[in-house]
């Protein structure tokens, strides 16, 4: 009798083990197929990582949002937001939402810019286009794992006169008259007498040198004067850029203590842009 009892227990255990080992059954009372939650990666899949566009006149920038899976049976709704480096993303048109239709794996969206009325030359305003939310047609079988969620867009008003690799800029003022003693300063701002002094040169030779550091961007002005107040005077100005480019201004006339030049410098990604104005 004991052997019969043990045999019965063994058969029961085997039956229970087989029942629990069926992958396609989610409960004893519901032997249907499992529908496991799916992980779906959604993000930008284009190569427009850092776009540079003119504020007006350039075509819209196109971005592609996609998934990493086969087409889903539900629509995927993507919600966007936009921010900018000056805190107010003005004069930009972009979709609030976009839908990857059921049966599709991607959708294209466009971002367009227009003139915001603020003169910024080629000092870029940086916009960040960001995926804020993703919704899978109300189907909770899917959950999001974020892909690339942002794209950067640098927007400028005008093209620079020229570009160079990043680096310091050397400004050299020279003259021939030993009885002339010119001094000069490099200050922030467009002819701003209250601007911060970036560099100054007050030697007693016929050469004065200023340096615009690599990490300084914006508008800068060169202020000069003759120590003894003897005017007019003339000098040569040579500006050397990181790639060896030299911009020369010979026989510059100075008739009083004054701003002489402005230099605008803006970061354009892998290069810096410049323009020079003789006042």
C-alpha atoms as a PDB file:
ATOM      1  CA  UNK A   1       0.000   0.000   0.000  1.00  0.00           C
ATOM      2  CA  UNK A   2       2.871   2.398   0.790  1.00  0.00           C
ATOM      3  CA  UNK A   3       4.324   1.848  -2.695  1.00  0.00           C
ATOM      4  CA  UNK A   4       0.968   2.621  -4.325  1.00  0.00           C
ATOM      5  CA  UNK A   5       0.687   5.821  -2.257  1.00  0.00           C
ATOM      6  CA  UNK A   6       4.164   7.014  -3.262  1.00  0.00           C
ATOM      7  CA  UNK A   7       3.480   6.224  -6.918  1.00  0.00           C
ATOM      8  CA  UNK A   8       0.313   8.306  -6.827  1.00  0.00           C
ATOM      9  CA  UNK A   9       2.189  11.252  -5.310  1.00  0.00           C
ATOM     10  CA  UNK A  10       4.894  10.973  -7.971  1.00  0.00           C
ATOM     11  CA  UNK A  11       2.359  11.012 -10.826  1.00  0.00           C
ATOM     12  CA  UNK A  12       0.645  14.069  -9.313  1.00  0.00           C
ATOM     13  CA  UNK A  13       3.950  15.936  -9.043  1.00  0.00           C
ATOM     14  CA  UNK A  14       4.878  15.218 -12.665  1.00  0.00           C
ATOM     15  CA  UNK A  15       1.479  16.433 -13.860  1.00  0.00           C
ATOM     16  CA  UNK A  16       1.857  19.674 -11.856  1.00  0.00           C
ATOM     17  CA  UNK A  17       5.356  20.254 -13.214  1.00  0.00           C
ATOM     18  CA  UNK A  18       4.242  19.858 -16.833  1.00  0.00           C
ATOM     19  CA  UNK A  19       1.284  22.194 -16.305  1.00  0.00           C
ATOM     20  CA  UNK A  20       3.470  24.938 -14.802  1.00  0.00           C
ATOM     21  CA  UNK A  21       6.067  24.611 -17.541  1.00  0.00           C
ATOM     22  CA  UNK A  22       3.772  25.599 -20.444  1.00  0.00           C
ATOM     23  CA  UNK A  23       5.140  28.975 -21.657  1.00  0.00           C
ATOM     24  CA  UNK A  24       1.982  29.835 -23.548  1.00  0.00           C
ATOM     25  CA  UNK A  25      -0.324  29.638 -20.549  1.00  0.00           C
ATOM     26  CA  UNK A  26      -0.607  32.575 -18.139  1.00  0.00           C
ATOM     27  CA  UNK A  27      -2.868  30.877 -15.581  1.00  0.00           C
ATOM     28  CA  UNK A  28      -4.631  27.651 -14.891  1.00  0.00           C
ATOM     29  CA  UNK A  29      -8.018  29.208 -15.583  1.00  0.00           C
ATOM     30  CA  UNK A  30      -6.886  31.077 -18.727  1.00  0.00           C
ATOM     31  CA  UNK A  31      -4.861  28.769 -20.979  1.00  0.00           C
ATOM     32  CA  UNK A  32      -4.622  31.410 -23.785  1.00  0.00           C
ATOM     33  CA  UNK A  33      -1.409  32.768 -25.364  1.00  0.00           C
ATOM     34  CA  UNK A  34       0.697  35.265 -23.404  1.00  0.00           C
ATOM     35  CA  UNK A  35       0.917  38.819 -24.805  1.00  0.00           C
ATOM     36  CA  UNK A  36       4.055  40.130 -23.095  1.00  0.00           C
ATOM     37  CA  UNK A  37       4.753  43.864 -22.732  1.00  0.00           C
ATOM     38  CA  UNK A  38       7.065  45.042 -25.558  1.00  0.00           C
ATOM     39  CA  UNK A  39       9.991  47.424 -25.162  1.00  0.00           C
ATOM     40  CA  UNK A  40       9.990  49.998 -27.974  1.00  0.00           C
ATOM     41  CA  UNK A  41      12.847  52.412 -28.611  1.00  0.00           C
ATOM     42  CA  UNK A  42      11.670  55.742 -30.048  1.00  0.00           C
ATOM     43  CA  UNK A  43      13.885  58.684 -30.968  1.00  0.00           C
ATOM     44  CA  UNK A  44      15.483  60.766 -33.696  1.00  0.00           C
ATOM     45  CA  UNK A  45      17.018  58.508 -36.348  1.00  0.00           C
ATOM     46  CA  UNK A  46      18.286  61.147 -38.827  1.00  0.00           C
ATOM     47  CA  UNK A  47      21.843  62.487 -39.081  1.00  0.00           C
ATOM     48  CA  UNK A  48      20.990  66.177 -38.504  1.00  0.00           C
ATOM     49  CA  UNK A  49      22.656  66.246 -35.110  1.00  0.00           C
ATOM     50  CA  UNK A  50      23.753  69.904 -35.227  1.00  0.00           C
ATOM     51  CA  UNK A  51      22.204  71.965 -38.024  1.00  0.00           C
ATOM     52  CA  UNK A  52      23.292  75.494 -38.961  1.00  0.00           C
ATOM     53  CA  UNK A  53      20.648  77.621 -40.686  1.00  0.00           C
ATOM     54  CA  UNK A  54      20.001  81.239 -41.573  1.00  0.00           C
ATOM     55  CA  UNK A  55      17.243  82.943 -39.642  1.00  0.00           C
ATOM     56  CA  UNK A  56      15.359  83.629 -42.840  1.00  0.00           C
ATOM     57  CA  UNK A  57      15.724  82.391 -46.392  1.00  0.00           C
ATOM     58  CA  UNK A  58      16.882  78.851 -45.672  1.00  0.00           C
ATOM     59  CA  UNK A  59      14.535  75.891 -46.204  1.00  0.00           C
ATOM     60  CA  UNK A  60      13.023  74.108 -43.212  1.00  0.00           C
ATOM     61  CA  UNK A  61      15.186  71.571 -41.394  1.00  0.00           C
ATOM     62  CA  UNK A  62      13.811  68.030 -41.602  1.00  0.00           C
ATOM     63  CA  UNK A  63      14.115  65.443 -38.849  1.00  0.00           C
ATOM     64  CA  UNK A  64      13.029  61.794 -38.729  1.00  0.00           C
ATOM     65  CA  UNK A  65      11.604  60.052 -35.680  1.00  0.00           C
ATOM     66  CA  UNK A  66      11.542  56.271 -35.762  1.00  0.00           C
ATOM     67  CA  UNK A  67      11.272  53.033 -33.801  1.00  0.00           C
ATOM     68  CA  UNK A  68      13.689  50.123 -33.486  1.00  0.00           C
ATOM     69  CA  UNK A  69      11.063  47.428 -34.064  1.00  0.00           C
ATOM     70  CA  UNK A  70       8.889  46.110 -36.837  1.00  0.00           C
ATOM     71  CA  UNK A  71       5.791  48.194 -37.605  1.00  0.00           C
ATOM     72  CA  UNK A  72       3.416  48.295 -34.643  1.00  0.00           C
ATOM     73  CA  UNK A  73      -0.285  47.677 -34.871  1.00  0.00           C
ATOM     74  CA  UNK A  74      -1.050  50.952 -33.089  1.00  0.00           C
ATOM     75  CA  UNK A  75      -0.237  54.591 -33.879  1.00  0.00           C
ATOM     76  CA  UNK A  76       2.711  56.114 -31.990  1.00  0.00           C
ATOM     77  CA  UNK A  77       2.131  59.746 -31.008  1.00  0.00           C
ATOM     78  CA  UNK A  78       5.252  61.819 -30.305  1.00  0.00           C
ATOM     79  CA  UNK A  79       5.049  65.158 -28.478  1.00  0.00           C
ATOM     80  CA  UNK A  80       7.745  67.832 -28.946  1.00  0.00           C
ATOM     81  CA  UNK A  81       9.032  70.920 -27.182  1.00  0.00           C
ATOM     82  CA  UNK A  82      11.467  73.641 -28.240  1.00  0.00           C
ATOM     83  CA  UNK A  83      13.879  75.745 -26.168  1.00  0.00           C
ATOM     84  CA  UNK A  84      16.559  78.285 -27.071  1.00  0.00           C
ATOM     85  CA  UNK A  85      19.755  79.687 -25.610  1.00  0.00           C
ATOM     86  CA  UNK A  86      18.186  83.116 -25.030  1.00  0.00           C
ATOM     87  CA  UNK A  87      15.247  81.601 -23.171  1.00  0.00           C
ATOM     88  CA  UNK A  88      12.556  82.448 -25.721  1.00  0.00           C
ATOM     89  CA  UNK A  89      12.249  80.295 -28.858  1.00  0.00           C
ATOM     90  CA  UNK A  90      10.675  83.004 -31.022  1.00  0.00           C
ATOM     91  CA  UNK A  91      10.109  82.980 -34.787  1.00  0.00           C
ATOM     92  CA  UNK A  92      10.236  79.200 -35.092  1.00  0.00           C
ATOM     93  CA  UNK A  93       7.524  76.900 -36.452  1.00  0.00           C
ATOM     94  CA  UNK A  94       7.485  73.254 -35.429  1.00  0.00           C
ATOM     95  CA  UNK A  95       4.820  70.578 -34.903  1.00  0.00           C
ATOM     96  CA  UNK A  96       3.556  70.061 -31.369  1.00  0.00           C
ATOM     97  CA  UNK A  97       2.985  66.385 -32.154  1.00  0.00           C
ATOM     98  CA  UNK A  98       3.658  63.864 -34.903  1.00  0.00           C
ATOM     99  CA  UNK A  99       2.199  60.400 -35.447  1.00  0.00           C
ATOM    100  CA  UNK A 100       3.948  57.270 -36.642  1.00  0.00           C
ATOM    101  CA  UNK A 101       0.960  55.551 -38.215  1.00  0.00           C
ATOM    102  CA  UNK A 102       0.101  51.951 -37.416  1.00  0.00           C
ATOM    103  CA  UNK A 103       2.057  49.745 -39.774  1.00  0.00           C
ATOM    104  CA  UNK A 104       4.853  52.356 -40.187  1.00  0.00           C
ATOM    105  CA  UNK A 105       8.224  52.726 -38.434  1.00  0.00           C
ATOM    106  CA  UNK A 106       9.010  56.435 -38.847  1.00  0.00           C
ATOM    107  CA  UNK A 107       7.676  59.915 -39.521  1.00  0.00           C
ATOM    108  CA  UNK A 108       9.349  63.094 -40.844  1.00  0.00           C
ATOM    109  CA  UNK A 109       8.849  66.507 -39.242  1.00  0.00           C
ATOM    110  CA  UNK A 110      10.040  69.965 -40.272  1.00  0.00           C
ATOM    111  CA  UNK A 111      11.268  72.957 -38.278  1.00  0.00           C
ATOM    112  CA  UNK A 112      11.296  76.395 -39.962  1.00  0.00           C
ATOM    113  CA  UNK A 113      12.695  79.741 -38.807  1.00  0.00           C
ATOM    114  CA  UNK A 114      11.884  83.358 -39.624  1.00  0.00           C
ATOM    115  CA  UNK A 115      13.280  86.769 -38.700  1.00  0.00           C
ATOM    116  CA  UNK A 116      12.803  87.522 -35.000  1.00  0.00           C
ATOM    117  CA  UNK A 117      13.676  91.202 -35.428  1.00  0.00           C
ATOM    118  CA  UNK A 118      16.765  90.999 -33.203  1.00  0.00           C
ATOM    119  CA  UNK A 119      20.090  91.819 -34.904  1.00  0.00           C
ATOM    120  CA  UNK A 120      22.517  89.084 -33.852  1.00  0.00           C
ATOM    121  CA  UNK A 121      24.771  88.886 -36.930  1.00  0.00           C
ATOM    122  CA  UNK A 122      26.259  85.385 -37.029  1.00  0.00           C
ATOM    123  CA  UNK A 123      26.397  84.901 -33.271  1.00  0.00           C
ATOM    124  CA  UNK A 124      24.297  81.785 -33.163  1.00  0.00           C
ATOM    125  CA  UNK A 125      21.151  81.362 -31.133  1.00  0.00           C
ATOM    126  CA  UNK A 126      21.010  77.684 -30.218  1.00  0.00           C
ATOM    127  CA  UNK A 127      17.641  75.919 -30.402  1.00  0.00           C
ATOM    128  CA  UNK A 128      16.976  72.493 -28.866  1.00  0.00           C
ATOM    129  CA  UNK A 129      14.203  70.419 -30.472  1.00  0.00           C
ATOM    130  CA  UNK A 130      13.233  67.712 -27.987  1.00  0.00           C
ATOM    131  CA  UNK A 131      10.930  64.704 -27.747  1.00  0.00           C
ATOM    132  CA  UNK A 132       8.854  65.317 -24.644  1.00  0.00           C
ATOM    133  CA  UNK A 133       6.491  62.314 -24.578  1.00  0.00           C
ATOM    134  CA  UNK A 134       5.560  59.161 -26.513  1.00  0.00           C
ATOM    135  CA  UNK A 135       2.165  57.440 -26.432  1.00  0.00           C
ATOM    136  CA  UNK A 136       1.307  54.069 -28.007  1.00  0.00           C
ATOM    137  CA  UNK A 137      -2.314  54.554 -29.022  1.00  0.00           C
ATOM    138  CA  UNK A 138      -3.565  53.771 -25.513  1.00  0.00           C
ATOM    139  CA  UNK A 139      -2.088  50.255 -25.724  1.00  0.00           C
ATOM    140  CA  UNK A 140      -0.293  49.418 -22.496  1.00  0.00           C
ATOM    141  CA  UNK A 141       1.384  46.349 -23.986  1.00  0.00           C
ATOM    142  CA  UNK A 142       4.218  48.680 -25.046  1.00  0.00           C
ATOM    143  CA  UNK A 143       6.597  50.762 -23.002  1.00  0.00           C
ATOM    144  CA  UNK A 144       9.207  53.306 -24.059  1.00  0.00           C
ATOM    145  CA  UNK A 145      12.966  53.062 -23.902  1.00  0.00           C
ATOM    146  CA  UNK A 146      14.252  56.460 -25.084  1.00  0.00           C
ATOM    147  CA  UNK A 147      16.468  56.760 -28.134  1.00  0.00           C
ATOM    148  CA  UNK A 148      18.045  60.066 -29.186  1.00  0.00           C
ATOM    149  CA  UNK A 149      15.691  62.643 -27.724  1.00  0.00           C
ATOM    150  CA  UNK A 150      17.176  65.961 -28.900  1.00  0.00           C
ATOM    151  CA  UNK A 151      18.486  67.782 -31.952  1.00  0.00           C
ATOM    152  CA  UNK A 152      20.438  71.063 -31.851  1.00  0.00           C
ATOM    153  CA  UNK A 153      19.918  73.859 -34.393  1.00  0.00           C
ATOM    154  CA  UNK A 154      22.207  76.908 -34.570  1.00  0.00           C
ATOM    155  CA  UNK A 155      20.434  79.919 -36.110  1.00  0.00           C
ATOM    156  CA  UNK A 156      22.293  82.984 -37.429  1.00  0.00           C
ATOM    157  CA  UNK A 157      21.179  86.254 -39.048  1.00  0.00           C
ATOM    158  CA  UNK A 158      23.947  86.615 -41.644  1.00  0.00           C
ATOM    159  CA  UNK A 159      26.967  84.727 -42.902  1.00  0.00           C
ATOM    160  CA  UNK A 160      30.368  85.632 -41.403  1.00  0.00           C
ATOM    161  CA  UNK A 161      33.043  87.190 -43.609  1.00  0.00           C
ATOM    162  CA  UNK A 162      35.211  84.111 -43.063  1.00  0.00           C
ATOM    163  CA  UNK A 163      35.685  81.143 -40.736  1.00  0.00           C
ATOM    164  CA  UNK A 164      38.697  79.599 -39.020  1.00  0.00           C
ATOM    165  CA  UNK A 165      39.334  76.787 -36.550  1.00  0.00           C
ATOM    166  CA  UNK A 166      38.857  77.819 -32.910  1.00  0.00           C
ATOM    167  CA  UNK A 167      41.805  79.453 -31.199  1.00  0.00           C
ATOM    168  CA  UNK A 168      43.220  82.765 -29.982  1.00  0.00           C
ATOM    169  CA  UNK A 169      43.486  85.796 -32.262  1.00  0.00           C
ATOM    170  CA  UNK A 170      46.513  88.100 -32.169  1.00  0.00           C
ATOM    171  CA  UNK A 171      46.073  91.823 -32.894  1.00  0.00           C
ATOM    172  CA  UNK A 172      49.254  93.809 -33.593  1.00  0.00           C
ATOM    173  CA  UNK A 173      49.437  97.582 -33.997  1.00  0.00           C
ATOM    174  CA  UNK A 174      52.708  99.030 -35.399  1.00  0.00           C
ATOM    175  CA  UNK A 175      53.956 102.461 -36.568  1.00  0.00           C
ATOM    176  CA  UNK A 176      57.224 104.086 -37.661  1.00  0.00           C
ATOM    177  CA  UNK A 177      57.276 107.450 -35.886  1.00  0.00           C
ATOM    178  CA  UNK A 178      59.367 107.051 -32.722  1.00  0.00           C
ATOM    179  CA  UNK A 179      57.823 110.230 -31.343  1.00  0.00           C
ATOM    180  CA  UNK A 180      54.360 108.620 -31.408  1.00  0.00           C
ATOM    181  CA  UNK A 181      53.248 106.493 -28.448  1.00  0.00           C
ATOM    182  CA  UNK A 182      49.987 104.705 -29.164  1.00  0.00           C
ATOM    183  CA  UNK A 183      48.242 102.487 -26.607  1.00  0.00           C
ATOM    184  CA  UNK A 184      45.258 100.227 -27.166  1.00  0.00           C
ATOM    185  CA  UNK A 185      42.645  98.089 -25.422  1.00  0.00           C
ATOM    186  CA  UNK A 186      40.322  95.273 -26.461  1.00  0.00           C
ATOM    187  CA  UNK A 187      36.921  95.616 -24.786  1.00  0.00           C
ATOM    188  CA  UNK A 188      33.612  93.765 -24.931  1.00  0.00           C
ATOM    189  CA  UNK A 189      30.639  95.225 -26.768  1.00  0.00           C
ATOM    190  CA  UNK A 190      30.092  97.368 -29.826  1.00  0.00           C
ATOM    191  CA  UNK A 191      32.026 100.562 -28.981  1.00  0.00           C
ATOM    192  CA  UNK A 192      30.952 100.255 -25.353  1.00  0.00           C
ATOM    193  CA  UNK A 193      33.113 102.585 -23.272  1.00  0.00           C
ATOM    194  CA  UNK A 194      31.909 100.709 -20.175  1.00  0.00           C
ATOM    195  CA  UNK A 195      32.719  97.272 -21.649  1.00  0.00           C
ATOM    196  CA  UNK A 196      34.986  94.794 -19.907  1.00  0.00           C
ATOM    197  CA  UNK A 197      38.654  95.045 -20.822  1.00  0.00           C
ATOM    198  CA  UNK A 198      39.748  91.745 -22.397  1.00  0.00           C
ATOM    199  CA  UNK A 199      43.348  92.846 -22.972  1.00  0.00           C
ATOM    200  CA  UNK A 200      45.426  96.007 -22.980  1.00  0.00           C
ATOM    201  CA  UNK A 201      48.800  97.108 -24.352  1.00  0.00           C
ATOM    202  CA  UNK A 202      50.592 100.228 -23.083  1.00  0.00           C
ATOM    203  CA  UNK A 203      54.214  99.770 -24.072  1.00  0.00           C
ATOM    204  CA  UNK A 204      56.841 102.352 -24.973  1.00  0.00           C
ATOM    205  CA  UNK A 205      57.924 100.816 -28.281  1.00  0.00           C
ATOM    206  CA  UNK A 206      56.401 101.184 -31.750  1.00  0.00           C
ATOM    207  CA  UNK A 207      54.417  97.961 -31.363  1.00  0.00           C
ATOM    208  CA  UNK A 208      51.353  97.138 -29.268  1.00  0.00           C
ATOM    209  CA  UNK A 209      49.807  93.648 -29.100  1.00  0.00           C
ATOM    210  CA  UNK A 210      46.365  92.428 -28.018  1.00  0.00           C
ATOM    211  CA  UNK A 211      44.976  88.886 -27.777  1.00  0.00           C
ATOM    212  CA  UNK A 212      41.379  87.770 -28.188  1.00  0.00           C
ATOM    213  CA  UNK A 213      41.192  84.470 -26.225  1.00  0.00           C
ATOM    214  CA  UNK A 214      39.836  81.304 -27.830  1.00  0.00           C
ATOM    215  CA  UNK A 215      36.925  81.027 -25.391  1.00  0.00           C
ATOM    216  CA  UNK A 216      35.599  84.579 -25.861  1.00  0.00           C
ATOM    217  CA  UNK A 217      32.640  85.096 -28.223  1.00  0.00           C
ATOM    218  CA  UNK A 218      30.564  88.135 -29.104  1.00  0.00           C
ATOM    219  CA  UNK A 219      31.317  91.648 -30.313  1.00  0.00           C
ATOM    220  CA  UNK A 220      34.616  93.291 -29.329  1.00  0.00           C
ATOM    221  CA  UNK A 221      36.033  96.749 -29.965  1.00  0.00           C
ATOM    222  CA  UNK A 222      39.587  98.051 -30.251  1.00  0.00           C
ATOM    223  CA  UNK A 223      40.095 101.379 -28.449  1.00  0.00           C
ATOM    224  CA  UNK A 224      43.262 103.401 -29.077  1.00  0.00           C
ATOM    225  CA  UNK A 225      44.787 106.711 -28.061  1.00  0.00           C
ATOM    226  CA  UNK A 226      48.074 108.613 -28.329  1.00  0.00           C
ATOM    227  CA  UNK A 227      49.739 108.914 -24.926  1.00  0.00           C
ATOM    228  CA  UNK A 228      50.917 112.504 -25.460  1.00  0.00           C
ATOM    229  CA  UNK A 229      47.721 113.551 -27.193  1.00  0.00           C
ATOM    230  CA  UNK A 230      49.567 114.409 -30.387  1.00  0.00           C
ATOM    231  CA  UNK A 231      47.187 113.897 -33.330  1.00  0.00           C
ATOM    232  CA  UNK A 232      46.797 112.909 -36.085  1.00  0.00           C
ATOM    233  CA  UNK A 233      48.848 109.708 -36.172  1.00  0.00           C
ATOM    234  CA  UNK A 234      48.936 106.667 -38.427  1.00  0.00           C
ATOM    235  CA  UNK A 235      49.530 102.984 -37.768  1.00  0.00           C
ATOM    236  CA  UNK A 236      49.234  99.549 -39.384  1.00  0.00           C
ATOM    237  CA  UNK A 237      46.978  96.890 -37.890  1.00  0.00           C
ATOM    238  CA  UNK A 238      47.474  93.173 -38.539  1.00  0.00           C
ATOM    239  CA  UNK A 239      45.094  90.562 -37.143  1.00  0.00           C
ATOM    240  CA  UNK A 240      46.313  86.946 -37.217  1.00  0.00           C
ATOM    241  CA  UNK A 241      43.816  84.095 -36.883  1.00  0.00           C
ATOM    242  CA  UNK A 242      44.322  80.493 -35.684  1.00  0.00           C
ATOM    243  CA  UNK A 243      44.727  79.079 -39.212  1.00  0.00           C
ATOM    244  CA  UNK A 244      47.400  81.660 -40.116  1.00  0.00           C
ATOM    245  CA  UNK A 245      45.059  83.978 -41.976  1.00  0.00           C
ATOM    246  CA  UNK A 246      46.117  87.629 -41.616  1.00  0.00           C
ATOM    247  CA  UNK A 247      43.787  90.578 -42.108  1.00  0.00           C
ATOM    248  CA  UNK A 248      45.848  93.745 -42.676  1.00  0.00           C
ATOM    249  CA  UNK A 249      44.804  97.398 -42.424  1.00  0.00           C
ATOM    250  CA  UNK A 250      47.677  99.714 -43.455  1.00  0.00           C
ATOM    251  CA  UNK A 251      47.981 103.436 -42.779  1.00  0.00           C
ATOM    252  CA  UNK A 252      45.066 103.696 -40.385  1.00  0.00           C
ATOM    253  CA  UNK A 253      44.481 107.325 -39.380  1.00  0.00           C
ATOM    254  CA  UNK A 254      43.681 108.155 -35.759  1.00  0.00           C
ATOM    255  CA  UNK A 255      42.621 111.717 -34.947  1.00  0.00           C
ATOM    256  CA  UNK A 256      41.667 111.340 -31.286  1.00  0.00           C
ATOM    257  CA  UNK A 257      41.043 108.937 -28.419  1.00  0.00           C
ATOM    258  CA  UNK A 258      38.505 106.600 -29.978  1.00  0.00           C
ATOM    259  CA  UNK A 259      37.291 103.177 -30.960  1.00  0.00           C
ATOM    260  CA  UNK A 260      39.031 102.076 -34.150  1.00  0.00           C
ATOM    261  CA  UNK A 261      37.673  98.595 -35.074  1.00  0.00           C
ATOM    262  CA  UNK A 262      35.022  96.116 -34.071  1.00  0.00           C
ATOM    263  CA  UNK A 263      35.460  92.341 -34.331  1.00  0.00           C
ATOM    264  CA  UNK A 264      32.469  90.014 -34.241  1.00  0.00           C
ATOM    265  CA  UNK A 265      33.194  86.384 -33.365  1.00  0.00           C
ATOM    266  CA  UNK A 266      30.664  83.552 -33.241  1.00  0.00           C
ATOM    267  CA  UNK A 267      30.882  79.790 -32.774  1.00  0.00           C
ATOM    268  CA  UNK A 268      29.571  77.835 -35.760  1.00  0.00           C
ATOM    269  CA  UNK A 269      30.183  74.326 -34.492  1.00  0.00           C
ATOM    270  CA  UNK A 270      33.570  73.042 -35.641  1.00  0.00           C
ATOM    271  CA  UNK A 271      34.691  76.522 -36.757  1.00  0.00           C
ATOM    272  CA  UNK A 272      34.453  80.129 -35.571  1.00  0.00           C
ATOM    273  CA  UNK A 273      33.084  82.885 -37.786  1.00  0.00           C
ATOM    274  CA  UNK A 274      34.437  86.440 -37.913  1.00  0.00           C
ATOM    275  CA  UNK A 275      33.707  89.852 -39.337  1.00  0.00           C
ATOM    276  CA  UNK A 276      35.825  92.982 -38.940  1.00  0.00           C
ATOM    277  CA  UNK A 277      34.604  96.579 -39.231  1.00  0.00           C
ATOM    278  CA  UNK A 278      36.921  99.583 -39.483  1.00  0.00           C
ATOM    279  CA  UNK A 279      35.252 102.562 -37.816  1.00  0.00           C
END
